[in-house]
Protein backbone atom coordinates (compact mmCIF):
# COMPACT_ATOMS: atom_id res chain seq x y z
CA MET A 1 0.00 0.00 0.00
CA ASN A 2 1.48 3.36 -1.03
CA MET A 3 0.81 6.19 1.36
CA ASN A 4 0.37 9.53 -0.32
CA VAL A 5 1.27 12.84 1.35
CA ALA A 6 -2.28 13.49 2.61
CA THR A 7 -2.49 10.07 4.21
CA LEU A 8 0.95 10.50 5.73
CA LEU A 9 -0.03 13.92 7.10
CA LEU A 10 -3.29 12.56 8.53
CA THR A 11 -1.45 9.60 10.00
CA THR A 12 1.12 11.89 11.57
CA LEU A 13 -1.55 14.20 12.96
CA ALA A 14 -3.53 11.26 14.33
CA CYS A 15 -0.70 10.17 16.64
CA TRP A 16 -0.67 11.24 20.26
CA SER A 17 1.05 10.17 23.45
CA LEU A 18 -0.78 8.14 26.02
CA PRO A 19 0.50 7.26 29.48
CA SER A 20 1.06 3.65 28.42
CA GLY A 21 2.67 4.42 25.08
CA THR A 22 1.92 5.95 21.71
CA LEU A 23 -1.24 5.27 19.77
CA ALA A 24 -0.67 5.52 16.03
CA PHE A 25 -3.26 5.28 13.28
CA ALA A 26 -1.76 3.87 10.08
CA GLY A 27 -4.37 3.51 7.39
CA GLN A 28 -7.15 1.51 9.01
CA ARG A 29 -4.91 -0.17 11.54
CA VAL A 30 -4.29 1.00 15.07
CA VAL A 31 -0.95 0.11 16.60
CA VAL A 32 0.12 0.77 20.20
CA LEU A 33 3.86 1.30 20.37
CA PRO A 34 6.21 1.75 23.27
CA ARG A 35 7.38 5.33 23.77
CA ARG A 36 10.20 6.58 21.54
CA GLN A 37 9.44 4.15 18.68
CA PRO A 38 9.34 6.13 15.42
CA LEU A 39 6.24 6.38 13.24
CA ARG A 40 8.02 4.78 10.27
CA THR A 41 7.99 1.52 12.23
CA VAL A 42 4.20 1.71 12.36
CA MET A 43 3.94 2.24 8.62
CA SER A 44 6.34 -0.57 7.72
CA ALA A 45 4.71 -2.93 10.22
CA THR A 46 1.30 -2.46 8.62
CA ARG A 47 2.60 -3.55 5.22
CA MET A 48 4.16 -6.84 6.26
CA PRO A 49 2.02 -9.94 5.70
CA VAL A 50 1.48 -11.99 8.81
CA VAL A 51 1.27 -15.58 7.62
CA PRO A 52 0.74 -17.94 10.55
CA ARG A 53 4.17 -18.73 11.95
CA ALA A 54 3.72 -22.49 12.01
CA ALA A 55 1.67 -22.81 8.82
CA SER A 56 2.94 -25.60 6.63
CA PRO A 57 2.46 -25.68 2.87
CA GLU A 58 0.16 -28.67 3.52
CA LEU A 59 -2.02 -26.65 5.91
CA LEU A 60 -2.30 -23.81 3.42
CA SER A 61 -3.16 -26.23 0.63
CA LEU A 62 -5.79 -28.04 2.73
CA PHE A 63 -7.36 -24.75 3.84
CA ASN A 64 -7.53 -23.57 0.24
CA ALA A 65 -9.04 -26.89 -0.84
CA GLN A 66 -11.64 -26.70 1.94
CA VAL A 67 -12.91 -23.37 0.63
CA THR A 68 -13.38 -25.07 -2.74
CA ARG A 69 -15.10 -28.08 -1.14
CA GLU A 70 -17.59 -25.76 0.58
CA LEU A 71 -18.35 -24.01 -2.71
CA GLU A 72 -18.76 -27.40 -4.42
CA ALA A 73 -21.16 -28.47 -1.67
CA SER A 74 -23.12 -25.28 -2.25
CA GLN A 75 -23.32 -26.07 -5.97
CA LEU A 76 -24.38 -29.64 -5.22
CA TYR A 77 -27.24 -28.54 -2.97
CA LEU A 78 -28.28 -25.88 -5.49
CA ALA A 79 -28.35 -28.49 -8.27
CA ALA A 80 -30.38 -30.75 -5.97
CA SER A 81 -32.79 -27.88 -5.34
CA ILE A 82 -33.31 -27.37 -9.06
CA TRP A 83 -33.69 -31.13 -9.60
CA CYS A 84 -36.33 -31.29 -6.85
CA GLU A 85 -38.17 -28.23 -8.12
CA ASN A 86 -38.36 -29.70 -11.64
CA ARG A 87 -40.01 -32.81 -10.20
CA ASP A 88 -42.49 -30.93 -8.00
CA PHE A 89 -40.74 -31.79 -4.74
CA GLY A 90 -41.24 -28.25 -3.45
CA GLY A 91 -40.40 -28.87 0.20
CA MET A 92 -37.21 -30.71 -0.68
CA ALA A 93 -36.28 -27.93 -3.12
CA VAL A 94 -36.61 -25.29 -0.40
CA TYR A 95 -34.51 -27.40 2.00
CA MET A 96 -31.81 -27.92 -0.64
CA ARG A 97 -31.69 -24.20 -1.47
CA SER A 98 -31.27 -23.41 2.23
CA GLU A 99 -28.43 -25.93 2.52
CA SER A 100 -26.79 -24.43 -0.56
CA ASN A 101 -26.80 -21.02 1.07
CA GLU A 102 -25.38 -22.47 4.29
CA GLU A 103 -22.51 -24.15 2.45
CA ARG A 104 -21.73 -20.91 0.61
CA GLN A 105 -21.71 -19.08 3.94
CA HIS A 106 -19.18 -21.61 5.23
CA ALA A 107 -16.90 -20.80 2.28
CA LEU A 108 -17.28 -17.06 2.84
CA HIS A 109 -16.61 -17.47 6.56
CA MET A 110 -13.43 -19.40 5.74
CA ILE A 111 -12.37 -16.71 3.27
CA ASP A 112 -12.92 -14.03 5.90
CA PHE A 113 -10.87 -16.01 8.43
CA ALA A 114 -8.08 -16.57 5.89
CA ASN A 115 -7.98 -12.86 5.10
CA LYS A 116 -7.75 -11.97 8.79
CA ARG A 117 -4.85 -14.39 9.19
CA ASN A 118 -3.26 -13.44 5.84
CA ILE A 119 -3.55 -17.02 4.66
CA PRO A 120 -3.04 -16.87 0.89
CA LEU A 121 -6.06 -18.14 -1.02
CA GLU A 122 -6.54 -18.97 -4.67
CA LEU A 123 -10.00 -19.91 -5.83
CA GLU A 124 -9.98 -23.28 -7.53
CA THR A 125 -12.35 -24.55 -10.19
CA VAL A 126 -15.68 -25.65 -8.75
CA VAL A 127 -16.73 -28.90 -10.37
CA ALA A 128 -20.32 -29.02 -11.62
CA PRO A 129 -22.43 -31.72 -9.94
CA ASN A 130 -23.45 -34.67 -12.09
CA VAL A 131 -27.23 -34.63 -11.68
CA ALA A 132 -27.76 -37.16 -14.48
CA THR A 133 -27.05 -39.96 -12.00
CA TRP A 134 -30.09 -39.05 -9.89
CA LEU A 135 -32.93 -41.26 -11.04
CA SER A 136 -34.84 -40.98 -7.78
CA PRO A 137 -34.94 -38.83 -4.63
CA GLU A 138 -33.26 -41.69 -2.77
CA GLU A 139 -30.24 -41.54 -5.10
CA LEU A 140 -30.06 -37.78 -4.63
CA TRP A 141 -30.08 -38.19 -0.83
CA GLN A 142 -27.39 -40.89 -1.06
CA ASP A 143 -25.15 -38.56 -3.09
CA LEU A 144 -25.67 -35.78 -0.59
CA LEU A 145 -24.79 -38.09 2.31
CA TYR A 146 -21.65 -39.22 0.49
CA ALA A 147 -20.67 -35.58 -0.19
CA GLU A 148 -21.13 -34.70 3.50
CA GLN A 149 -19.05 -37.72 4.54
CA GLN A 150 -16.28 -36.62 2.18
CA ASN A 151 -16.48 -33.10 3.56
CA THR A 152 -16.14 -34.50 7.08
CA GLN A 153 -12.97 -36.35 6.06
CA ASN A 154 -11.55 -33.21 4.43
CA LEU A 155 -12.26 -31.14 7.55
CA LEU A 156 -10.64 -33.78 9.75
CA ALA A 157 -7.52 -33.80 7.56
CA LEU A 158 -7.38 -30.00 7.82
CA ALA A 159 -7.84 -30.16 11.60
CA ASP A 160 -5.14 -32.83 11.91
CA GLU A 161 -2.69 -30.66 9.96
CA ALA A 162 -3.58 -27.59 12.06
CA ALA A 163 -2.89 -29.63 15.21
CA GLN A 164 0.38 -30.91 13.75
CA CYS A 165 1.46 -27.31 13.03
CA GLN A 166 0.14 -26.18 16.42
CA ASP A 167 -1.94 -23.55 14.65
CA HIS A 168 -4.44 -23.11 17.47
CA ALA A 169 -6.40 -20.38 15.69
CA VAL A 170 -7.20 -22.69 12.76
CA SER A 171 -8.01 -25.54 15.16
CA THR A 172 -10.38 -23.34 17.13
CA PHE A 173 -11.94 -21.92 13.97
CA LEU A 174 -12.75 -25.44 12.70
CA MET A 175 -14.42 -26.70 15.90
CA PRO A 176 -17.99 -25.60 15.07
CA TYR A 177 -17.70 -27.20 11.63
CA HIS A 178 -17.02 -30.62 13.14
CA MET A 179 -20.31 -30.59 15.05
CA GLU A 180 -22.14 -29.28 11.99
CA GLN A 181 -20.83 -32.25 10.01
CA VAL A 182 -22.06 -34.69 12.65
CA ASN A 183 -25.51 -33.09 12.45
CA ALA A 184 -25.51 -32.93 8.63
CA GLU A 185 -24.65 -36.60 8.26
CA ASP A 186 -27.23 -37.55 10.89
CA SER A 187 -30.02 -35.57 9.19
CA LEU A 188 -29.21 -37.11 5.79
CA ARG A 189 -29.27 -40.65 7.20
CA THR A 190 -32.80 -40.29 8.55
């Protein structure tokens, strides 16, 4: 991020001494510095990416892949919603559309988390679901159950890698998803 003169002037004017140190506004970030630390340290500190210290290439790859899996799950449920609607299964169509939105929200939540942690993300190709294999609602439900089981395994692999790297933030972030997977699989089995 290049700071122009006006931003630099505003940043300089927005600094004041506090009893516990100096509060400096640099762009949208607020940094509390010990006394006598120059403002240029604030500006350079705000530009440095903060990739998780213990993040392995495997963890980054698995996190990236999980975002894609969530988007694929969203597409699968959306395709199921359309399939159900075309066959006059209105209630099932509404349920599938809701699940599609939930899966998309998972992906967005993961993207937000990655951005907060400066985890590099690259969107991968989302594979279109093969709806031609669904000859009955039972086959559709079986495919959905299988997809949720695969998603559970992917999340567990990601959690295992986060534990291996001792990335406690990723481990904590994933905890609610594990329980959601238990509930998703249970609801699709019944």
